[in-house]
């Protein structure tokens, strides 16, 4: 009994110290409360200090694609630590050549000039600089992004972010020249149209923006929107955007930070539509989230022109050996476990289970996704598609229904990421059907809360 009390006191002390000394991520700092202490993680499960196991139903921040404690990735990192743990990016290292070669095997042909950083934010920041340098001779500098987007927290990346996280950076922390377009969001179409009669008006509006804004250098899109709803576009949307980019000589940047690395059953989500971007940015799953890495992959002619016009960039930790050691190991593990096929197969099972929840719970308005990347959107009134909460509620710091459901799921032993009015369901790609069932059962129980709070 004394030992149990001592363990509990130690756990509370660690949590209190973290709350006291650390800023929280994307949360109002006051009222953060006491974070749960995790002492271990393996496969698709986390382990609390109490010993309780928690199913990771969102791959942490949609990044632990290989699950926790993949031996091959850990061994690759450990070997690099024992060899050359750090070396200035000015030097040639075998680990850097190996990472680049491995990436060339999964990236589209011709997208072969790479810049390594430490996060998706930095990967996008580099991409924006390259776009503007490439277009300097045309005098073009504007970037088209979308409202349902998140591209990072650095100055350029947050400026291209459409969700409420951008607001905290305004006006001083933003760069000029970003224009937002509406989203291909059929469940809540900004034009109040229906597909296919709409003729994909959201894409045609981008053409209208380019024609009327002038000086547009490029566009940045998440082919499948990430945190802001796992919005899967209609089949015509991305090919049409790419054609618009080609027609007006714009650089097309695909942000694959979250949807890449097998999450949707292909290496990168743009592959579902046969589109080849000019620049690809990615991060998260590239190392299995075992080490920080951002990747900006650029079409060679764009890279060379940007360099000719003065583009220079770099970080102390650029091409960090420890992070890069993980990349070939991650790619090898995908192949060894045939994960892309596994994700496509399990994606069908996940879809069926989530559709069952939609049938059973009137507060579920929409279910959408690909592979093991899904969103379950809540509705207070299904006939009117009335959300429980809005972006304004999030900005005000109000209690959100999605957060209540995620908290209830945690009580049932499942960690679930929530954002404003939906849940992002993105478990580690190694998950099994029986483990999916654990998550679905907890979600089934938690949705009673939203069912009970629907509009009368």
Protein backbone atom coordinates (compact mmCIF):
# COMPACT_ATOMS: atom_id res chain seq x y z
CA UNK A 1 0.00 0.00 0.00
CA UNK A 2 2.85 2.36 0.92
CA UNK A 3 4.63 1.50 -2.35
CA UNK A 4 1.46 2.20 -4.35
CA UNK A 5 1.05 5.60 -2.71
CA UNK A 6 4.71 6.42 -3.36
CA UNK A 7 4.31 5.51 -7.06
CA UNK A 8 1.18 7.65 -7.30
CA UNK A 9 2.91 10.60 -5.67
CA UNK A 10 5.87 10.25 -8.05
CA UNK A 11 3.53 10.12 -11.06
CA UNK A 12 1.65 13.23 -9.94
CA UNK A 13 4.93 15.03 -9.24
CA UNK A 14 6.25 14.36 -12.76
CA UNK A 15 2.98 15.49 -14.33
CA UNK A 16 2.87 18.64 -12.19
CA UNK A 17 6.44 19.55 -13.06
CA UNK A 18 5.73 19.17 -16.77
CA UNK A 19 2.68 21.42 -16.47
CA UNK A 20 4.72 23.98 -14.53
CA UNK A 21 7.80 24.18 -16.75
CA UNK A 22 6.69 23.30 -20.29
CA UNK A 23 4.51 25.11 -22.80
CA UNK A 24 1.70 22.92 -24.04
CA UNK A 25 1.25 22.29 -27.77
CA UNK A 26 -1.60 24.15 -29.51
CA UNK A 27 -3.53 24.63 -26.28
CA UNK A 28 -4.32 27.53 -24.00
CA UNK A 29 -1.53 27.41 -21.45
CA UNK A 30 -3.76 28.10 -18.48
CA UNK A 31 -5.95 25.23 -17.48
CA UNK A 32 -3.74 22.62 -19.14
CA UNK A 33 -4.20 20.46 -16.09
CA UNK A 34 -2.18 17.37 -15.30
CA UNK A 35 -1.02 15.33 -18.32
CA UNK A 36 -1.12 11.55 -18.02
CA UNK A 37 2.28 9.99 -17.39
CA UNK A 38 3.30 7.32 -19.91
CA UNK A 39 6.14 4.99 -18.94
CA UNK A 40 6.27 2.66 -21.94
CA UNK A 41 4.82 1.97 -25.38
CA UNK A 42 5.00 -1.02 -27.68
CA UNK A 43 3.16 -1.96 -30.85
CA UNK A 44 -0.16 -0.14 -30.81
CA UNK A 45 -0.37 0.28 -27.04
CA UNK A 46 0.81 2.84 -24.51
CA UNK A 47 1.42 2.02 -20.85
CA UNK A 48 0.54 4.37 -18.01
CA UNK A 49 2.52 4.62 -14.79
CA UNK A 50 -0.26 2.61 -13.16
CA UNK A 51 0.37 -0.24 -15.62
CA UNK A 52 -2.87 0.31 -17.54
CA UNK A 53 -2.60 -0.28 -21.32
CA UNK A 54 -4.04 2.32 -23.71
CA UNK A 55 -4.73 1.65 -27.40
CA UNK A 56 -3.13 4.37 -29.55
CA UNK A 57 -5.97 4.99 -32.02
CA UNK A 58 -4.38 8.10 -33.58
CA UNK A 59 -0.69 7.13 -33.86
CA UNK A 60 -0.02 9.92 -31.35
CA UNK A 61 -0.02 12.96 -33.64
CA UNK A 62 -0.76 10.81 -36.70
CA UNK A 63 2.96 10.01 -36.97
CA UNK A 64 3.76 6.68 -35.25
CA UNK A 65 2.96 4.76 -38.42
CA UNK A 66 5.09 1.72 -37.59
CA UNK A 67 3.83 1.60 -34.04
CA UNK A 68 6.01 1.83 -30.98
CA UNK A 69 9.38 0.09 -30.53
CA UNK A 70 9.97 -1.23 -34.02
CA UNK A 71 13.21 -3.13 -33.50
CA UNK A 72 14.72 -2.55 -36.95
CA UNK A 73 14.32 1.22 -36.80
CA UNK A 74 15.66 1.37 -33.24
CA UNK A 75 18.70 -0.69 -34.19
CA UNK A 76 19.43 1.52 -37.20
CA UNK A 77 19.30 4.63 -35.03
CA UNK A 78 21.41 3.01 -32.29
CA UNK A 79 24.08 1.96 -34.79
CA UNK A 80 24.30 5.51 -36.11
CA UNK A 81 24.58 6.93 -32.58
CA UNK A 82 27.56 4.64 -31.98
CA UNK A 83 29.12 5.59 -35.32
CA UNK A 84 28.66 9.29 -36.16
CA UNK A 85 25.91 10.81 -34.01
CA UNK A 86 26.37 14.28 -35.53
CA UNK A 87 28.28 15.90 -38.33
CA UNK A 88 27.84 19.28 -40.02
CA UNK A 89 25.71 19.07 -43.20
CA UNK A 90 28.79 20.34 -45.05
CA UNK A 91 30.33 16.84 -44.85
CA UNK A 92 29.48 13.74 -46.87
CA UNK A 93 28.25 10.77 -44.85
CA UNK A 94 27.19 7.29 -45.92
CA UNK A 95 23.97 7.65 -43.93
CA UNK A 96 23.01 10.74 -45.95
CA UNK A 97 23.63 9.02 -49.27
CA UNK A 98 21.70 5.94 -48.14
CA UNK A 99 18.70 8.00 -47.04
CA UNK A 100 18.60 9.92 -50.31
CA UNK A 101 18.90 6.71 -52.34
CA UNK A 102 16.08 5.05 -50.38
CA UNK A 103 13.82 8.05 -50.89
CA UNK A 104 14.53 8.08 -54.62
CA UNK A 105 12.98 4.62 -54.79
CA UNK A 106 9.59 5.80 -53.52
CA UNK A 107 9.41 9.40 -54.81
CA UNK A 108 8.18 10.17 -58.34
CA UNK A 109 10.90 10.21 -60.98
CA UNK A 110 12.41 13.67 -61.36
CA UNK A 111 11.52 14.79 -57.82
CA UNK A 112 15.04 14.11 -56.68
CA UNK A 113 16.59 17.23 -55.17
CA UNK A 114 16.20 16.99 -51.39
CA UNK A 115 16.48 19.32 -48.44
CA UNK A 116 16.37 17.74 -44.98
CA UNK A 117 15.17 19.60 -41.89
CA UNK A 118 13.60 18.58 -38.59
CA UNK A 119 9.83 18.95 -39.02
CA UNK A 120 6.93 19.32 -41.40
CA UNK A 121 6.80 23.04 -40.59
CA UNK A 122 10.40 23.47 -41.71
CA UNK A 123 9.85 21.31 -44.78
CA UNK A 124 7.02 23.59 -45.86
CA UNK A 125 8.99 26.71 -44.97
CA UNK A 126 11.76 25.60 -47.31
CA UNK A 127 9.25 24.79 -50.05
CA UNK A 128 7.74 28.27 -49.88
CA UNK A 129 11.18 29.86 -50.17
CA UNK A 130 12.00 27.70 -53.18
CA UNK A 131 8.71 28.60 -54.88
CA UNK A 132 9.28 32.31 -54.47
CA UNK A 133 12.88 32.18 -55.65
CA UNK A 134 11.92 30.07 -58.65
CA UNK A 135 9.23 32.60 -59.63
CA UNK A 136 11.32 35.69 -58.91
CA UNK A 137 11.93 36.45 -62.59
CA UNK A 138 8.16 36.58 -63.14
CA UNK A 139 7.66 38.91 -60.19
CA UNK A 140 5.27 36.34 -58.73
CA UNK A 141 5.19 35.73 -54.99
CA UNK A 142 1.64 34.93 -53.87
CA UNK A 143 0.74 31.49 -52.54
CA UNK A 144 -2.72 29.93 -52.70
CA UNK A 145 -3.67 27.75 -49.76
CA UNK A 146 -7.03 26.57 -48.39
CA UNK A 147 -9.09 27.25 -45.28
CA UNK A 148 -9.22 23.63 -44.12
CA UNK A 149 -5.46 23.28 -43.86
CA UNK A 150 -2.56 23.06 -41.48
CA UNK A 151 0.98 23.48 -42.82
CA UNK A 152 3.04 24.18 -39.70
CA UNK A 153 4.02 26.69 -37.04
CA UNK A 154 6.92 28.63 -38.59
CA UNK A 155 6.22 32.02 -40.16
CA UNK A 156 5.54 30.94 -43.72
CA UNK A 157 3.90 27.64 -42.80
CA UNK A 158 1.50 29.22 -40.28
CA UNK A 159 0.68 31.95 -42.81
CA UNK A 160 -0.49 29.21 -45.18
CA UNK A 161 -2.49 27.52 -42.44
CA UNK A 162 -6.22 28.07 -42.76
CA UNK A 163 -7.37 26.77 -39.37
CA UNK A 164 -7.63 28.78 -36.11
CA UNK A 165 -3.98 28.20 -35.19
CA UNK A 166 -3.12 30.92 -37.68
CA UNK A 167 -4.95 33.53 -35.63
CA UNK A 168 -2.41 33.56 -32.82
CA UNK A 169 0.31 34.52 -35.31
CA UNK A 170 -1.57 37.48 -36.78
CA UNK A 171 -0.45 40.02 -37.76
CA UNK A 172 3.22 40.18 -36.78
CA UNK A 173 4.06 36.50 -37.16
CA UNK A 174 2.83 36.12 -40.73
CA UNK A 175 4.36 36.58 -44.15
CA UNK A 176 2.42 38.55 -46.79
CA UNK A 177 0.97 37.21 -50.00
CA UNK A 178 -1.07 34.18 -48.92
CA UNK A 179 -4.56 33.84 -50.40
CA UNK A 180 -7.04 31.23 -49.20
CA UNK A 181 -9.35 29.19 -51.40
CA UNK A 182 -12.44 27.20 -50.40
CA UNK A 183 -12.11 23.51 -49.71
CA UNK A 184 -13.28 20.42 -51.56
CA UNK A 185 -15.49 19.61 -48.58
CA UNK A 186 -18.64 18.01 -49.94
CA UNK A 187 -20.24 17.39 -46.55
CA UNK A 188 -20.17 21.12 -45.83
CA UNK A 189 -19.76 22.59 -49.31
CA UNK A 190 -18.86 26.30 -49.01
CA UNK A 191 -20.96 26.94 -52.14
CA UNK A 192 -23.89 24.85 -50.86
CA UNK A 193 -23.75 22.76 -54.01
CA UNK A 194 -23.90 19.01 -54.55
CA UNK A 195 -21.46 16.79 -56.39
CA UNK A 196 -21.34 16.05 -59.31
CA UNK A 197 -23.79 18.75 -60.42
CA UNK A 198 -21.42 21.35 -58.92
CA UNK A 199 -18.84 20.71 -61.67
CA UNK A 200 -16.23 20.89 -58.89
CA UNK A 201 -16.78 24.62 -58.33
CA UNK A 202 -14.16 24.63 -55.56
CA UNK A 203 -11.45 23.87 -58.11
CA UNK A 204 -12.77 26.40 -60.62
CA UNK A 205 -12.71 29.05 -57.90
CA UNK A 206 -8.95 28.54 -57.68
CA UNK A 207 -8.73 29.44 -61.37
CA UNK A 208 -10.74 32.57 -60.60
CA UNK A 209 -8.32 33.47 -57.79
CA UNK A 210 -5.27 33.05 -60.00
CA UNK A 211 -6.77 35.17 -62.78
CA UNK A 212 -7.80 37.99 -60.46
CA UNK A 213 -5.05 38.04 -57.83
CA UNK A 214 -2.13 38.29 -60.22
CA UNK A 215 1.46 37.53 -59.19
CA UNK A 216 0.57 34.02 -57.99
CA UNK A 217 3.69 31.89 -57.65
CA UNK A 218 2.26 28.59 -56.47
CA UNK A 219 -0.27 26.65 -54.49
CA UNK A 220 0.14 24.39 -51.47
CA UNK A 221 -2.38 21.66 -50.70
CA UNK A 222 -2.73 18.62 -48.51
CA UNK A 223 -3.99 16.12 -51.12
CA UNK A 224 -6.03 14.60 -48.31
CA UNK A 225 -6.60 17.21 -45.63
CA UNK A 226 -5.12 16.12 -42.31
CA UNK A 227 -6.08 17.45 -38.88
CA UNK A 228 -8.85 19.61 -40.29
CA UNK A 229 -11.11 16.73 -41.14
CA UNK A 230 -9.40 14.06 -43.26
CA UNK A 231 -11.21 15.58 -46.24
CA UNK A 232 -10.87 13.32 -49.28
CA UNK A 233 -11.44 15.27 -52.50
CA UNK A 234 -13.63 14.12 -55.37
CA UNK A 235 -11.74 12.39 -58.18
CA UNK A 236 -11.61 15.41 -60.51
CA UNK A 237 -10.35 17.89 -57.93
CA UNK A 238 -6.59 17.37 -57.66
CA UNK A 239 -6.04 16.70 -61.39
CA UNK A 240 -7.91 19.92 -62.13
CA UNK A 241 -5.80 21.90 -59.65
CA UNK A 242 -2.66 20.52 -61.25
CA UNK A 243 -3.89 21.54 -64.71
CA UNK A 244 -4.58 25.07 -63.43
CA UNK A 245 -1.07 25.19 -61.99
CA UNK A 246 0.40 24.11 -65.32
CA UNK A 247 -1.76 26.54 -67.30
CA UNK A 248 -0.59 29.51 -65.24
CA UNK A 249 3.01 28.26 -64.63
CA UNK A 250 2.48 27.86 -60.89
CA UNK A 251 4.48 25.55 -58.64
CA UNK A 252 2.27 22.82 -57.19
CA UNK A 253 3.31 21.83 -53.64
CA UNK A 254 1.83 18.68 -52.08
CA UNK A 255 1.99 18.65 -48.28
CA UNK A 256 2.24 14.95 -47.43
CA UNK A 257 3.35 15.44 -43.83
CA UNK A 258 0.35 13.58 -42.42
CA UNK A 259 -1.21 11.65 -45.31
CA UNK A 260 2.10 10.30 -46.59
CA UNK A 261 4.12 7.26 -45.58
CA UNK A 262 1.54 4.57 -46.22
CA UNK A 263 -1.23 6.18 -44.22
CA UNK A 264 -3.75 5.84 -47.07
CA UNK A 265 -2.39 2.66 -48.67
CA UNK A 266 0.10 4.32 -51.02
CA UNK A 267 3.48 5.87 -50.21
CA UNK A 268 1.95 9.31 -50.73
CA UNK A 269 -1.72 10.21 -50.97
CA UNK A 270 -1.47 12.14 -54.26
CA UNK A 271 -0.79 8.79 -55.97
CA UNK A 272 -4.51 7.95 -55.69
CA UNK A 273 -5.24 10.55 -58.40
CA UNK A 274 -2.23 10.09 -60.67
CA UNK A 275 -1.00 13.61 -59.95
CA UNK A 276 2.73 14.41 -59.81
CA UNK A 277 3.50 17.52 -57.73
CA UNK A 278 6.42 19.86 -58.38
CA UNK A 279 7.44 19.83 -54.72
CA UNK A 280 6.61 17.25 -52.05
CA UNK A 281 6.93 17.99 -48.35
CA UNK A 282 6.76 15.28 -45.73
CA UNK A 283 7.93 14.42 -42.22
CA UNK A 284 6.14 12.45 -39.45
CA UNK A 285 6.12 8.83 -40.70
CA UNK A 286 9.45 9.16 -42.51
CA UNK A 287 11.27 7.98 -39.37
CA UNK A 288 8.33 6.21 -37.76
CA UNK A 289 8.36 9.31 -35.49
CA UNK A 290 11.43 7.89 -33.73
CA UNK A 291 13.53 10.94 -34.63
CA UNK A 292 12.61 14.40 -35.98
CA UNK A 293 12.90 14.81 -39.74
CA UNK A 294 11.41 17.05 -42.41
CA UNK A 295 11.87 16.38 -46.13
CA UNK A 296 11.43 18.84 -48.99
CA UNK A 297 11.67 16.99 -52.32
CA UNK A 298 11.90 19.24 -55.36
CA UNK A 299 11.75 18.82 -59.13
CA UNK A 300 15.34 19.29 -60.24
CA UNK A 301 14.81 22.14 -62.71
CA UNK A 302 12.90 24.12 -60.07
CA UNK A 303 15.65 23.53 -57.52
CA UNK A 304 18.36 24.66 -59.94
CA UNK A 305 16.50 27.82 -60.95
CA UNK A 306 15.82 28.68 -57.30
CA UNK A 307 19.52 28.30 -56.53
CA UNK A 308 20.40 30.50 -59.52
CA UNK A 309 18.18 33.28 -58.15
CA UNK A 310 19.77 33.22 -54.72
CA UNK A 311 17.89 30.62 -52.68
CA UNK A 312 19.99 29.57 -49.71
CA UNK A 313 18.77 27.63 -46.73
CA UNK A 314 20.05 25.51 -43.90
CA UNK A 315 19.90 24.32 -40.30
CA UNK A 316 22.43 23.17 -37.77
CA UNK A 317 20.55 19.89 -37.65
CA UNK A 318 19.93 19.66 -41.39
CA UNK A 319 20.42 16.09 -42.62
CA UNK A 320 21.00 14.92 -39.07
CA UNK A 321 22.64 11.47 -39.15
CA UNK A 322 20.46 9.97 -36.41
CA UNK A 323 17.23 10.97 -38.14
CA UNK A 324 18.40 9.90 -41.58
CA UNK A 325 19.49 6.49 -40.29
CA UNK A 326 15.83 5.72 -39.67
CA UNK A 327 14.65 6.38 -43.25
CA UNK A 328 16.02 3.28 -45.05
CA UNK A 329 14.98 1.15 -42.08
CA UNK A 330 11.41 2.49 -42.25
CA UNK A 331 11.16 1.83 -45.99
CA UNK A 332 12.60 -1.66 -45.50
CA UNK A 333 10.04 -2.40 -42.78
CA UNK A 334 7.18 -1.30 -45.00
CA UNK A 335 8.35 -3.79 -47.61
CA UNK A 336 9.05 -6.60 -45.18
CA UNK A 337 5.57 -6.38 -43.66
CA UNK A 338 3.85 -5.57 -46.99
CA UNK A 339 2.28 -2.65 -45.15
CA UNK A 340 0.77 -0.83 -48.13
CA UNK A 341 -1.38 -3.87 -48.97
CA UNK A 342 -2.12 -4.37 -45.28
CA UNK A 343 -3.36 -0.77 -45.00
CA UNK A 344 -5.56 -1.12 -48.07
CA UNK A 345 -7.09 -4.32 -46.68
CA UNK A 346 -7.56 -2.98 -43.14
CA UNK A 347 -8.91 0.27 -44.58
CA UNK A 348 -11.93 -1.60 -45.89
CA UNK A 349 -12.51 -3.13 -42.47
CA UNK A 350 -12.14 0.23 -40.72
CA UNK A 351 -14.61 1.83 -43.14
CA UNK A 352 -17.20 -0.87 -42.47
CA UNK A 353 -16.88 -0.56 -38.68
CA UNK A 354 -17.14 3.24 -38.79
CA UNK A 355 -20.17 3.08 -41.08
CA UNK A 356 -21.80 0.77 -38.53
CA UNK A 357 -21.26 3.45 -35.89
CA UNK A 358 -22.84 6.04 -38.16
CA UNK A 359 -25.91 3.84 -38.51
CA UNK A 360 -26.11 3.32 -34.75
CA UNK A 361 -25.47 6.89 -33.60
CA UNK A 362 -27.54 9.82 -34.89
CA UNK A 363 -24.85 12.28 -33.72
CA UNK A 364 -22.44 10.95 -36.36
CA UNK A 365 -22.87 13.16 -39.40
CA UNK A 366 -20.16 11.94 -41.72
CA UNK A 367 -17.50 9.25 -41.99
CA UNK A 368 -14.74 9.69 -44.59
CA UNK A 369 -11.20 8.60 -45.28
CA UNK A 370 -8.83 6.21 -47.07
CA UNK A 371 -6.68 3.37 -45.82
CA UNK A 372 -6.10 3.92 -42.10
CA UNK A 373 -6.81 7.64 -42.20
CA UNK A 374 -10.39 8.52 -41.20
CA UNK A 375 -12.53 11.23 -39.70
CA UNK A 376 -15.78 10.84 -37.85
CA UNK A 377 -17.62 14.16 -37.91
CA UNK A 378 -20.22 15.00 -35.30
CA UNK A 379 -23.58 16.64 -35.84
CA UNK A 380 -26.09 18.10 -33.43
CA UNK A 381 -28.79 17.75 -36.09
CA UNK A 382 -28.15 15.30 -38.92
CA UNK A 383 -30.83 16.70 -41.24
CA UNK A 384 -29.29 20.19 -41.04
CA UNK A 385 -25.68 19.01 -40.64
CA UNK A 386 -25.43 21.28 -37.62
CA UNK A 387 -22.04 20.95 -35.88
CA UNK A 388 -21.70 20.74 -32.12
CA UNK A 389 -18.80 23.18 -32.23
CA UNK A 390 -17.17 25.62 -34.62
CA UNK A 391 -13.78 27.23 -35.14
CA UNK A 392 -15.00 30.22 -33.14
CA UNK A 393 -15.68 27.93 -30.18
CA UNK A 394 -12.15 26.56 -30.44
CA UNK A 395 -10.66 30.05 -30.61
CA UNK A 396 -12.62 31.04 -27.48
CA UNK A 397 -11.36 28.03 -25.55
CA UNK A 398 -14.84 26.57 -24.99
CA UNK A 399 -15.36 22.94 -24.05
CA UNK A 400 -15.83 20.95 -27.25
CA UNK A 401 -17.97 17.87 -27.75
CA UNK A 402 -15.21 16.10 -29.70
CA UNK A 403 -12.88 16.56 -26.73
CA UNK A 404 -15.50 15.16 -24.38
CA UNK A 405 -15.82 12.06 -26.54
CA UNK A 406 -12.03 11.64 -26.71
CA UNK A 407 -11.82 11.94 -22.92
CA UNK A 408 -14.50 9.31 -22.51
CA UNK A 409 -12.69 7.01 -24.91
CA UNK A 410 -9.55 7.39 -22.84
CA UNK A 411 -11.53 6.34 -19.80
CA UNK A 412 -12.28 3.14 -21.73
CA UNK A 413 -8.60 2.66 -22.57
CA UNK A 414 -8.27 4.28 -26.01
CA UNK A 415 -6.27 7.38 -26.91
CA UNK A 416 -8.11 9.37 -29.58
CA UNK A 417 -7.16 12.67 -31.28
CA UNK A 418 -10.00 15.21 -31.52
CA UNK A 419 -10.14 18.49 -33.40
CA UNK A 420 -13.03 20.99 -33.11
CA UNK A 421 -15.96 18.87 -34.36
CA UNK A 422 -14.45 15.57 -35.49
CA UNK A 423 -12.20 12.72 -34.43
CA UNK A 424 -9.09 11.79 -36.44
CA UNK A 425 -8.89 8.00 -36.49
CA UNK A 426 -5.42 7.03 -37.67
CA UNK A 427 -3.97 4.10 -35.72
CA UNK A 428 -0.47 2.69 -36.31
CA UNK A 429 -0.42 0.92 -39.66
CA UNK A 430 0.50 -2.39 -38.01
CA UNK A 431 -2.88 -2.58 -36.24
CA UNK A 432 -5.01 -5.74 -36.55
CA UNK A 433 -8.76 -6.16 -36.97
CA UNK A 434 -9.17 -7.24 -33.34
CA UNK A 435 -7.29 -4.14 -32.18
CA UNK A 436 -9.48 -1.94 -34.40
CA UNK A 437 -12.45 -3.53 -32.66
CA UNK A 438 -11.12 -2.33 -29.28
CA UNK A 439 -11.08 1.24 -30.56
CA UNK A 440 -14.49 0.96 -32.18
CA UNK A 441 -16.02 -0.45 -28.99
CA UNK A 442 -14.70 2.49 -26.94
CA UNK A 443 -15.93 4.94 -29.57
CA UNK A 444 -19.33 3.26 -29.59
CA UNK A 445 -19.66 3.81 -25.84
CA UNK A 446 -18.35 7.38 -25.93
CA UNK A 447 -20.74 8.49 -28.70
CA UNK A 448 -23.62 8.10 -26.27
CA UNK A 449 -22.55 11.48 -24.90
CA UNK A 450 -23.06 13.27 -28.22
CA UNK A 451 -26.27 11.31 -28.90
CA UNK A 452 -27.69 12.53 -25.61
CA UNK A 453 -26.83 16.15 -26.40
CA UNK A 454 -28.37 16.47 -29.85
CA UNK A 455 -30.69 19.34 -30.69
CA UNK A 456 -34.28 18.73 -29.68
